[in-house]
Amino acid sequence: MARKTDLYLFVFPSDYKSLRKELPSMRLTREAVRAEYEWVRDRGSDVVPIVNTVRADLGEAFGTTVDPIGIGQYDDAVDAVFADGDRAVNVAALVGLLRDLDVPGDYPGFVVDELLARELAAMIAGEQPLRLLAEATFHYADVYTHGDADDPAGLDDLDAALAAGVQTRLPGWEWQATDSPFDIDGR
């Protein structure tokens, strides 16, 4: 059976350098990562209520009680994420992209802001299975975030990602309070 092969032709304007000047630049330095860290920490008063709403709703849906969090726990989670330099630089990049991402009319950019935000939530949460849980929780948290008309399109997704990642990373769920029954060493 013959395979159809698509040929993609990328055409760059002859004056590519002038186009590049119009695009924002993202340079990730140690100082830039610190600035994103501080911005994320300062966002706690917006993110913590989303975390607690999501925890209460999911707890009710799953027939359990999930502990709410406070600003101190949010700050501790952000500190832990940014203490890992390799994770911090990637989180900082995603935060910076989402905070400034805007698409006229929003809908055409719907996929890219969802994709970036879902990955940010997963990165904040940690390793598997928490990554996957954070990705799923992002979509739930996103229902509760709506920016103002003049906000960039990615800002509400950024808040939902922060909420989903932190919510998943922090304890408070009953299943997190006990040892796994699947630990082969019985620890």
N, C-alpha and C. Protein backbone atom coordinates (compact mmCIF):
# COMPACT_ATOMS: atom_id res chain seq x y z
N MET A 1 0.85 -1.17 0.00
CA MET A 1 0.00 0.00 0.00
C MET A 1 0.89 1.24 0.00
N ALA A 2 0.61 2.14 -0.89
CA ALA A 2 1.41 3.36 -0.98
C ALA A 2 1.10 4.28 0.20
N ARG A 3 2.12 4.97 0.66
CA ARG A 3 1.94 5.90 1.77
C ARG A 3 1.95 7.32 1.22
N LYS A 4 1.05 8.09 1.73
CA LYS A 4 1.01 9.50 1.35
C LYS A 4 1.99 10.25 2.26
N THR A 5 2.83 11.02 1.67
CA THR A 5 3.78 11.81 2.43
C THR A 5 3.47 13.28 2.22
N ASP A 6 3.28 13.98 3.30
CA ASP A 6 3.02 15.41 3.20
C ASP A 6 4.35 16.15 3.14
N LEU A 7 4.41 17.12 2.31
CA LEU A 7 5.59 17.95 2.20
C LEU A 7 5.24 19.32 2.78
N TYR A 8 5.98 19.71 3.77
CA TYR A 8 5.76 21.01 4.39
C TYR A 8 6.87 21.94 3.93
N LEU A 9 6.50 23.07 3.43
CA LEU A 9 7.46 24.04 2.97
C LEU A 9 7.35 25.26 3.87
N PHE A 10 8.42 25.56 4.54
CA PHE A 10 8.44 26.72 5.42
C PHE A 10 9.12 27.86 4.66
N VAL A 11 8.42 28.94 4.54
CA VAL A 11 8.96 30.09 3.85
C VAL A 11 9.21 31.18 4.88
N PHE A 12 10.45 31.61 4.95
CA PHE A 12 10.80 32.68 5.87
C PHE A 12 10.92 33.97 5.07
N PRO A 13 10.47 35.05 5.63
CA PRO A 13 10.62 36.31 4.90
C PRO A 13 12.10 36.60 4.68
N SER A 14 12.39 37.28 3.58
CA SER A 14 13.79 37.58 3.29
C SER A 14 14.39 38.46 4.37
N ASP A 15 13.55 39.23 5.02
CA ASP A 15 14.03 40.10 6.10
C ASP A 15 13.66 39.49 7.45
N TYR A 16 14.12 38.25 7.68
CA TYR A 16 13.80 37.50 8.89
C TYR A 16 14.21 38.24 10.15
N LYS A 17 15.35 38.91 10.11
CA LYS A 17 15.85 39.61 11.30
C LYS A 17 14.90 40.71 11.74
N SER A 18 14.26 41.39 10.81
CA SER A 18 13.31 42.44 11.22
C SER A 18 12.07 41.82 11.85
N LEU A 19 11.64 40.67 11.34
CA LEU A 19 10.51 39.97 11.95
C LEU A 19 10.86 39.54 13.36
N ARG A 20 12.05 39.05 13.55
CA ARG A 20 12.50 38.59 14.87
C ARG A 20 12.48 39.73 15.89
N LYS A 21 12.78 40.93 15.45
CA LYS A 21 12.77 42.08 16.35
C LYS A 21 11.37 42.37 16.88
N GLU A 22 10.35 42.01 16.11
CA GLU A 22 8.98 42.24 16.54
C GLU A 22 8.50 41.22 17.56
N LEU A 23 9.14 40.08 17.60
CA LEU A 23 8.74 39.02 18.52
C LEU A 23 9.39 39.23 19.88
N PRO A 24 8.67 38.91 20.96
CA PRO A 24 9.28 39.05 22.28
C PRO A 24 10.41 38.04 22.44
N SER A 25 11.37 38.40 23.24
CA SER A 25 12.50 37.52 23.48
C SER A 25 12.39 36.91 24.87
N MET A 26 12.72 35.65 24.98
CA MET A 26 12.74 35.02 26.28
C MET A 26 14.15 34.52 26.52
N ARG A 27 14.79 35.15 27.45
CA ARG A 27 16.15 34.76 27.82
C ARG A 27 16.08 34.28 29.25
N LEU A 28 16.40 33.01 29.46
CA LEU A 28 16.30 32.42 30.79
C LEU A 28 17.65 32.44 31.48
N THR A 29 17.81 33.42 32.31
CA THR A 29 19.00 33.55 33.14
C THR A 29 18.62 33.18 34.56
N ARG A 30 19.61 33.10 35.40
CA ARG A 30 19.34 32.85 36.82
C ARG A 30 18.41 33.93 37.39
N GLU A 31 18.64 35.17 36.98
CA GLU A 31 17.82 36.28 37.44
C GLU A 31 16.38 36.16 36.92
N ALA A 32 16.24 35.72 35.67
CA ALA A 32 14.91 35.55 35.10
C ALA A 32 14.14 34.45 35.83
N VAL A 33 14.82 33.36 36.16
CA VAL A 33 14.18 32.28 36.90
C VAL A 33 13.75 32.78 38.28
N ARG A 34 14.61 33.56 38.94
CA ARG A 34 14.25 34.12 40.25
C ARG A 34 13.04 35.04 40.13
N ALA A 35 12.99 35.85 39.08
CA ALA A 35 11.85 36.75 38.88
C ALA A 35 10.55 35.96 38.69
N GLU A 36 10.61 34.87 37.93
CA GLU A 36 9.41 34.03 37.74
C GLU A 36 9.02 33.37 39.06
N TYR A 37 10.01 32.93 39.82
CA TYR A 37 9.75 32.34 41.14
C TYR A 37 8.99 33.33 42.02
N GLU A 38 9.47 34.55 42.07
CA GLU A 38 8.82 35.56 42.90
C GLU A 38 7.41 35.87 42.40
N TRP A 39 7.24 35.91 41.07
CA TRP A 39 5.91 36.16 40.51
C TRP A 39 4.95 35.03 40.90
N VAL A 40 5.42 33.79 40.79
CA VAL A 40 4.57 32.64 41.14
C VAL A 40 4.22 32.67 42.63
N ARG A 41 5.19 32.98 43.48
CA ARG A 41 4.90 33.07 44.93
C ARG A 41 3.87 34.16 45.20
N ASP A 42 4.01 35.29 44.54
CA ASP A 42 3.07 36.40 44.75
C ASP A 42 1.66 36.07 44.26
N ARG A 43 1.53 35.06 43.46
CA ARG A 43 0.23 34.68 42.89
C ARG A 43 -0.59 33.83 43.87
N GLY A 44 -0.04 33.51 45.02
CA GLY A 44 -0.71 32.63 45.98
C GLY A 44 -2.11 33.05 46.36
N SER A 45 -2.35 34.35 46.54
CA SER A 45 -3.69 34.78 46.95
C SER A 45 -4.73 34.54 45.86
N ASP A 46 -4.29 34.42 44.62
CA ASP A 46 -5.22 34.08 43.53
C ASP A 46 -5.35 32.57 43.35
N VAL A 47 -4.26 31.85 43.57
CA VAL A 47 -4.23 30.41 43.27
C VAL A 47 -4.80 29.56 44.40
N VAL A 48 -4.52 29.91 45.65
CA VAL A 48 -4.97 29.08 46.79
C VAL A 48 -6.49 28.90 46.81
N PRO A 49 -7.30 29.94 46.57
CA PRO A 49 -8.75 29.68 46.53
C PRO A 49 -9.17 28.70 45.43
N ILE A 50 -8.47 28.72 44.31
CA ILE A 50 -8.76 27.76 43.23
C ILE A 50 -8.41 26.35 43.71
N VAL A 51 -7.25 26.21 44.34
CA VAL A 51 -6.83 24.91 44.88
C VAL A 51 -7.90 24.38 45.82
N ASN A 52 -8.36 25.20 46.73
CA ASN A 52 -9.32 24.74 47.74
C ASN A 52 -10.68 24.42 47.15
N THR A 53 -11.10 25.17 46.14
CA THR A 53 -12.36 24.85 45.45
C THR A 53 -12.24 23.51 44.74
N VAL A 54 -11.14 23.31 44.05
CA VAL A 54 -10.92 22.05 43.33
C VAL A 54 -10.86 20.88 44.30
N ARG A 55 -10.14 21.05 45.40
CA ARG A 55 -10.04 19.97 46.40
C ARG A 55 -11.40 19.62 46.99
N ALA A 56 -12.18 20.63 47.31
CA ALA A 56 -13.51 20.38 47.88
C ALA A 56 -14.41 19.66 46.87
N ASP A 57 -14.41 20.13 45.64
CA ASP A 57 -15.26 19.52 44.61
C ASP A 57 -14.83 18.10 44.28
N LEU A 58 -13.53 17.89 44.12
CA LEU A 58 -13.06 16.53 43.81
C LEU A 58 -13.26 15.60 45.00
N GLY A 59 -13.06 16.11 46.19
CA GLY A 59 -13.32 15.30 47.39
C GLY A 59 -14.76 14.83 47.44
N GLU A 60 -15.67 15.76 47.14
CA GLU A 60 -17.09 15.39 47.12
C GLU A 60 -17.37 14.37 46.02
N ALA A 61 -16.78 14.57 44.86
CA ALA A 61 -17.00 13.65 43.74
C ALA A 61 -16.49 12.25 44.04
N PHE A 62 -15.40 12.15 44.83
CA PHE A 62 -14.81 10.86 45.14
C PHE A 62 -15.17 10.36 46.53
N GLY A 63 -16.10 11.04 47.20
CA GLY A 63 -16.58 10.58 48.50
C GLY A 63 -15.54 10.62 49.60
N THR A 64 -14.72 11.65 49.60
CA THR A 64 -13.68 11.78 50.62
C THR A 64 -13.54 13.25 51.01
N THR A 65 -12.84 13.48 52.08
CA THR A 65 -12.54 14.84 52.50
C THR A 65 -11.09 15.12 52.17
N VAL A 66 -10.86 16.24 51.52
CA VAL A 66 -9.50 16.62 51.15
C VAL A 66 -9.16 17.90 51.90
N ASP A 67 -8.04 17.88 52.60
CA ASP A 67 -7.65 19.04 53.39
C ASP A 67 -7.43 20.26 52.51
N PRO A 68 -7.96 21.41 52.92
CA PRO A 68 -7.65 22.65 52.20
C PRO A 68 -6.20 23.06 52.49
N ILE A 69 -5.68 23.97 51.70
CA ILE A 69 -4.32 24.46 51.94
C ILE A 69 -4.37 25.94 52.26
N GLY A 70 -3.27 26.43 52.81
CA GLY A 70 -3.12 27.85 53.10
C GLY A 70 -1.98 28.43 52.28
N ILE A 71 -1.80 29.73 52.38
CA ILE A 71 -0.74 30.41 51.65
C ILE A 71 0.64 29.84 52.01
N GLY A 72 0.86 29.51 53.27
CA GLY A 72 2.15 28.96 53.68
C GLY A 72 2.47 27.66 52.97
N GLN A 73 1.47 26.79 52.82
CA GLN A 73 1.69 25.53 52.11
C GLN A 73 1.94 25.78 50.62
N TYR A 74 1.21 26.73 50.06
CA TYR A 74 1.44 27.10 48.66
C TYR A 74 2.89 27.58 48.49
N ASP A 75 3.31 28.49 49.36
CA ASP A 75 4.68 29.01 49.29
C ASP A 75 5.71 27.90 49.42
N ASP A 76 5.48 26.96 50.34
CA ASP A 76 6.40 25.83 50.52
C ASP A 76 6.49 24.98 49.25
N ALA A 77 5.35 24.76 48.61
CA ALA A 77 5.34 23.97 47.37
C ALA A 77 6.11 24.69 46.27
N VAL A 78 5.89 25.99 46.14
CA VAL A 78 6.60 26.78 45.13
C VAL A 78 8.10 26.76 45.43
N ASP A 79 8.46 26.92 46.70
CA ASP A 79 9.88 26.87 47.09
C ASP A 79 10.50 25.53 46.68
N ALA A 80 9.80 24.44 46.93
CA ALA A 80 10.32 23.11 46.60
C ALA A 80 10.50 22.94 45.09
N VAL A 81 9.55 23.42 44.32
CA VAL A 81 9.65 23.32 42.86
C VAL A 81 10.86 24.10 42.35
N PHE A 82 11.03 25.31 42.83
CA PHE A 82 12.11 26.16 42.35
C PHE A 82 13.46 25.83 42.99
N ALA A 83 13.48 25.00 44.02
CA ALA A 83 14.75 24.57 44.63
C ALA A 83 15.49 23.59 43.72
N ASP A 84 14.77 22.92 42.85
CA ASP A 84 15.36 22.01 41.87
C ASP A 84 15.64 22.82 40.61
N GLY A 85 16.90 23.21 40.42
CA GLY A 85 17.26 24.10 39.32
C GLY A 85 16.82 23.63 37.95
N ASP A 86 16.95 22.34 37.67
CA ASP A 86 16.54 21.82 36.37
C ASP A 86 15.04 21.96 36.16
N ARG A 87 14.28 21.70 37.21
CA ARG A 87 12.83 21.87 37.12
C ARG A 87 12.50 23.36 37.08
N ALA A 88 13.20 24.16 37.87
CA ALA A 88 12.91 25.59 37.98
C ALA A 88 13.02 26.32 36.65
N VAL A 89 14.06 26.02 35.88
CA VAL A 89 14.24 26.73 34.61
C VAL A 89 13.12 26.39 33.64
N ASN A 90 12.65 25.16 33.66
CA ASN A 90 11.56 24.76 32.78
C ASN A 90 10.23 25.33 33.24
N VAL A 91 9.99 25.32 34.54
CA VAL A 91 8.78 25.93 35.09
C VAL A 91 8.78 27.42 34.78
N ALA A 92 9.92 28.08 34.96
CA ALA A 92 10.01 29.52 34.68
C ALA A 92 9.68 29.82 33.22
N ALA A 93 10.18 28.99 32.31
CA ALA A 93 9.89 29.19 30.89
C ALA A 93 8.41 29.07 30.60
N LEU A 94 7.77 28.04 31.14
CA LEU A 94 6.34 27.85 30.91
C LEU A 94 5.52 28.98 31.53
N VAL A 95 5.89 29.40 32.73
CA VAL A 95 5.19 30.51 33.38
C VAL A 95 5.30 31.77 32.52
N GLY A 96 6.51 32.08 32.06
CA GLY A 96 6.71 33.27 31.24
C GLY A 96 5.94 33.22 29.94
N LEU A 97 5.93 32.07 29.30
CA LEU A 97 5.17 31.92 28.05
C LEU A 97 3.68 32.11 28.28
N LEU A 98 3.15 31.44 29.28
CA LEU A 98 1.70 31.52 29.53
C LEU A 98 1.26 32.90 29.98
N ARG A 99 2.07 33.54 30.79
CA ARG A 99 1.68 34.84 31.32
C ARG A 99 1.52 35.87 30.20
N ASP A 100 2.34 35.74 29.16
CA ASP A 100 2.32 36.72 28.07
C ASP A 100 1.60 36.23 26.81
N LEU A 101 1.19 34.98 26.79
CA LEU A 101 0.57 34.42 25.59
C LEU A 101 -0.80 35.03 25.34
N ASP A 102 -0.97 35.58 24.17
CA ASP A 102 -2.26 36.14 23.80
C ASP A 102 -2.51 35.87 22.33
N VAL A 103 -3.74 35.57 22.01
CA VAL A 103 -4.16 35.33 20.65
C VAL A 103 -5.45 36.12 20.46
N PRO A 104 -5.51 37.00 19.47
CA PRO A 104 -6.76 37.75 19.26
C PRO A 104 -7.94 36.81 19.13
N GLY A 105 -8.97 37.07 19.91
CA GLY A 105 -10.15 36.21 19.89
C GLY A 105 -9.99 34.95 20.72
N ASP A 106 -8.83 34.68 21.24
CA ASP A 106 -8.48 33.57 22.12
C ASP A 106 -8.65 32.19 21.50
N TYR A 107 -9.78 31.89 20.89
CA TYR A 107 -10.03 30.51 20.48
C TYR A 107 -8.95 29.92 19.59
N PRO A 108 -8.41 30.65 18.61
CA PRO A 108 -7.35 30.03 17.79
C PRO A 108 -6.14 29.59 18.61
N GLY A 109 -5.90 30.21 19.74
CA GLY A 109 -4.77 29.84 20.59
C GLY A 109 -5.13 28.86 21.67
N PHE A 110 -6.36 28.39 21.67
CA PHE A 110 -6.85 27.51 22.72
C PHE A 110 -5.96 26.30 22.94
N VAL A 111 -5.51 25.68 21.89
CA VAL A 111 -4.73 24.46 22.02
C VAL A 111 -3.37 24.73 22.65
N VAL A 112 -2.70 25.77 22.21
CA VAL A 112 -1.34 26.00 22.71
C VAL A 112 -1.35 26.39 24.19
N ASP A 113 -2.30 27.22 24.63
CA ASP A 113 -2.28 27.57 26.06
C ASP A 113 -2.69 26.39 26.92
N GLU A 114 -3.57 25.54 26.43
CA GLU A 114 -3.94 24.33 27.17
C GLU A 114 -2.76 23.37 27.26
N LEU A 115 -2.05 23.21 26.18
CA LEU A 115 -0.90 22.31 26.14
C LEU A 115 0.20 22.77 27.10
N LEU A 116 0.55 24.04 27.04
CA LEU A 116 1.59 24.57 27.92
C LEU A 116 1.17 24.49 29.38
N ALA A 117 -0.07 24.83 29.66
CA ALA A 117 -0.55 24.84 31.05
C ALA A 117 -0.62 23.43 31.62
N ARG A 118 -1.06 22.49 30.82
CA ARG A 118 -1.14 21.10 31.29
C ARG A 118 0.26 20.59 31.64
N GLU A 119 1.23 20.91 30.82
CA GLU A 119 2.61 20.50 31.09
C GLU A 119 3.15 21.20 32.33
N LEU A 120 2.81 22.46 32.51
CA LEU A 120 3.24 23.18 33.71
C LEU A 120 2.67 22.53 34.96
N ALA A 121 1.39 22.21 34.95
CA ALA A 121 0.77 21.54 36.11
C ALA A 121 1.50 20.24 36.43
N ALA A 122 1.79 19.46 35.40
CA ALA A 122 2.49 18.18 35.60
C ALA A 122 3.89 18.39 36.16
N MET A 123 4.59 19.38 35.63
CA MET A 123 5.96 19.63 36.08
C MET A 123 5.99 20.07 37.55
N ILE A 124 5.02 20.86 37.95
CA ILE A 124 4.94 21.30 39.35
C ILE A 124 4.63 20.12 40.26
N ALA A 125 3.73 19.24 39.82
CA ALA A 125 3.30 18.11 40.65
C ALA A 125 4.44 17.16 40.97
N GLY A 126 5.33 16.93 40.04
CA GLY A 126 6.45 16.02 40.29
C GLY A 126 6.49 14.88 39.30
N GLU A 127 6.78 13.70 39.82
CA GLU A 127 6.92 12.52 38.97
C GLU A 127 5.59 11.76 38.88
N GLN A 128 5.58 10.72 38.04
CA GLN A 128 4.38 9.89 37.90
C GLN A 128 4.09 9.19 39.22
N PRO A 129 2.89 8.95 39.60
CA PRO A 129 1.65 9.21 38.89
C PRO A 129 1.12 10.63 39.11
N LEU A 130 1.83 11.43 39.92
CA LEU A 130 1.34 12.78 40.21
C LEU A 130 1.26 13.64 38.95
N ARG A 131 2.20 13.47 38.03
CA ARG A 131 2.18 14.24 36.78
C ARG A 131 0.84 14.07 36.06
N LEU A 132 0.45 12.82 35.89
CA LEU A 132 -0.79 12.53 35.16
C LEU A 132 -2.00 13.09 35.91
N LEU A 133 -2.02 12.93 37.21
CA LEU A 133 -3.12 13.47 38.00
C LEU A 133 -3.20 14.99 37.86
N ALA A 134 -2.06 15.65 37.84
CA ALA A 134 -2.05 17.11 37.69
C ALA A 134 -2.56 17.53 36.32
N GLU A 135 -2.19 16.79 35.29
CA GLU A 135 -2.69 17.11 33.95
C GLU A 135 -4.21 17.02 33.91
N ALA A 136 -4.76 15.97 34.48
CA ALA A 136 -6.22 15.81 34.51
C ALA A 136 -6.86 16.90 35.36
N THR A 137 -6.25 17.19 36.50
CA THR A 137 -6.79 18.20 37.40
C THR A 137 -6.73 19.59 36.78
N PHE A 138 -5.75 19.83 35.92
CA PHE A 138 -5.69 21.13 35.24
C PHE A 138 -6.99 21.43 34.52
N HIS A 139 -7.51 20.46 33.79
CA HIS A 139 -8.73 20.70 33.02
C HIS A 139 -9.91 21.01 33.94
N TYR A 140 -9.93 20.40 35.10
CA TYR A 140 -10.98 20.69 36.08
C TYR A 140 -10.80 22.09 36.65
N ALA A 141 -9.59 22.43 37.04
CA ALA A 141 -9.31 23.76 37.61
C ALA A 141 -9.56 24.86 36.60
N ASP A 142 -9.33 24.57 35.34
CA ASP A 142 -9.50 25.56 34.28
C ASP A 142 -10.94 26.07 34.19
N VAL A 143 -11.88 25.25 34.63
CA VAL A 143 -13.29 25.66 34.63
C VAL A 143 -13.50 26.85 35.57
N TYR A 144 -12.67 26.96 36.59
CA TYR A 144 -12.83 28.01 37.61
C TYR A 144 -12.02 29.27 37.33
N THR A 145 -11.27 29.29 36.26
CA THR A 145 -10.42 30.45 35.99
C THR A 145 -10.88 31.16 34.73
N HIS A 146 -11.14 32.43 34.87
CA HIS A 146 -11.56 33.25 33.73
C HIS A 146 -10.91 34.61 33.89
N GLY A 147 -10.09 34.97 32.93
CA GLY A 147 -9.43 36.26 33.00
C GLY A 147 -10.36 37.39 32.57
N ASP A 148 -9.92 38.58 32.82
CA ASP A 148 -10.63 39.76 32.34
C ASP A 148 -10.44 39.87 30.83
N ALA A 149 -11.29 40.64 30.19
CA ALA A 149 -11.24 40.78 28.73
C ALA A 149 -9.89 41.29 28.24
N ASP A 150 -9.22 42.10 29.03
CA ASP A 150 -7.93 42.64 28.59
C ASP A 150 -6.73 41.81 29.06
N ASP A 151 -6.96 40.70 29.74
CA ASP A 151 -5.87 39.81 30.16
C ASP A 151 -5.39 38.98 28.98
N PRO A 152 -4.12 38.63 28.96
CA PRO A 152 -3.64 37.70 27.94
C PRO A 152 -4.38 36.36 28.05
N ALA A 153 -4.55 35.69 26.94
CA ALA A 153 -5.32 34.44 26.91
C ALA A 153 -4.73 33.36 27.80
N GLY A 154 -3.41 33.35 27.96
CA GLY A 154 -2.77 32.30 28.74
C GLY A 154 -2.80 32.50 30.24
N LEU A 155 -3.19 33.68 30.72
CA LEU A 155 -3.10 33.97 32.15
C LEU A 155 -4.05 33.11 32.98
N ASP A 156 -5.29 32.93 32.53
CA ASP A 156 -6.21 32.10 33.31
C ASP A 156 -5.77 30.63 33.30
N ASP A 157 -5.19 30.18 32.19
CA ASP A 157 -4.66 28.82 32.14
C ASP A 157 -3.45 28.67 33.06
N LEU A 158 -2.68 29.73 33.18
CA LEU A 158 -1.54 29.73 34.09
C LEU A 158 -2.01 29.56 35.53
N ASP A 159 -3.04 30.29 35.93
CA ASP A 159 -3.57 30.13 37.29
C ASP A 159 -4.10 28.72 37.52
N ALA A 160 -4.80 28.18 36.53
CA ALA A 160 -5.33 26.82 36.65
C ALA A 160 -4.19 25.80 36.75
N ALA A 161 -3.12 26.02 35.99
CA ALA A 161 -1.97 25.11 36.04
C ALA A 161 -1.27 25.17 37.39
N LEU A 162 -1.08 26.37 37.92
CA LEU A 162 -0.47 26.50 39.24
C LEU A 162 -1.32 25.80 40.29
N ALA A 163 -2.64 26.00 40.21
CA ALA A 163 -3.55 25.37 41.18
C ALA A 163 -3.50 23.86 41.06
N ALA A 164 -3.57 23.34 39.84
CA ALA A 164 -3.58 21.89 39.64
C ALA A 164 -2.26 21.25 40.08
N GLY A 165 -1.15 21.88 39.74
CA GLY A 165 0.15 21.33 40.11
C GLY A 165 0.37 21.33 41.61
N VAL A 166 0.07 22.45 42.25
CA VAL A 166 0.25 22.56 43.70
C VAL A 166 -0.72 21.63 44.42
N GLN A 167 -1.97 21.62 43.99
CA GLN A 167 -2.99 20.77 44.60
C GLN A 167 -2.55 19.32 44.58
N THR A 168 -1.99 18.89 43.49
CA THR A 168 -1.58 17.50 43.34
C THR A 168 -0.31 17.20 44.13
N ARG A 169 0.58 18.15 44.18
CA ARG A 169 1.87 17.97 44.86
C ARG A 169 1.71 17.86 46.37
N LEU A 170 0.78 18.62 46.93
CA LEU A 170 0.64 18.68 48.39
C LEU A 170 -0.19 17.53 48.93
N PRO A 171 0.14 17.07 50.13
CA PRO A 171 -0.68 16.04 50.77
C PRO A 171 -2.05 16.60 51.14
N GLY A 172 -2.92 15.72 51.56
CA GLY A 172 -4.26 16.11 51.97
C GLY A 172 -5.30 15.08 51.55
N TRP A 173 -4.92 14.24 50.61
CA TRP A 173 -5.78 13.16 50.16
C TRP A 173 -5.51 11.93 51.02
N GLU A 174 -6.56 11.18 51.35
CA GLU A 174 -6.40 9.98 52.18
C GLU A 174 -5.42 8.99 51.57
N TRP A 175 -5.47 8.79 50.26
CA TRP A 175 -4.59 7.80 49.63
C TRP A 175 -3.12 8.20 49.75
N GLN A 176 -2.84 9.48 49.96
CA GLN A 176 -1.45 9.91 50.12
C GLN A 176 -0.95 9.71 51.55
N ALA A 177 -1.86 9.50 52.49
CA ALA A 177 -1.49 9.41 53.91
C ALA A 177 -1.05 8.01 54.33
N THR A 178 -1.19 7.05 53.45
CA THR A 178 -0.81 5.67 53.80
C THR A 178 0.24 5.16 52.82
N ASP A 179 0.94 4.12 53.25
CA ASP A 179 1.91 3.49 52.36
C ASP A 179 1.18 2.77 51.24
N SER A 180 1.82 2.68 50.11
CA SER A 180 1.23 1.99 48.98
C SER A 180 1.14 0.49 49.27
N PRO A 181 0.00 -0.12 48.99
CA PRO A 181 -0.11 -1.57 49.17
C PRO A 181 0.69 -2.34 48.11
N PHE A 182 1.26 -1.62 47.15
CA PHE A 182 2.00 -2.26 46.07
C PHE A 182 3.51 -2.16 46.23
N ASP A 183 3.97 -1.62 47.35
CA ASP A 183 5.40 -1.52 47.62
C ASP A 183 5.93 -2.92 47.91
N ILE A 184 6.80 -3.44 47.05
CA ILE A 184 7.25 -4.83 47.18
C ILE A 184 8.17 -5.06 48.37
N ASP A 185 8.76 -4.00 48.90
CA ASP A 185 9.61 -4.14 50.08
C ASP A 185 8.82 -4.00 51.37
N GLY A 186 7.55 -3.69 51.27
CA GLY A 186 6.70 -3.57 52.46
C GLY A 186 7.01 -2.34 53.29
N ARG A 187 7.61 -1.36 52.70
CA ARG A 187 7.97 -0.15 53.44
C ARG A 187 6.79 0.74 53.64
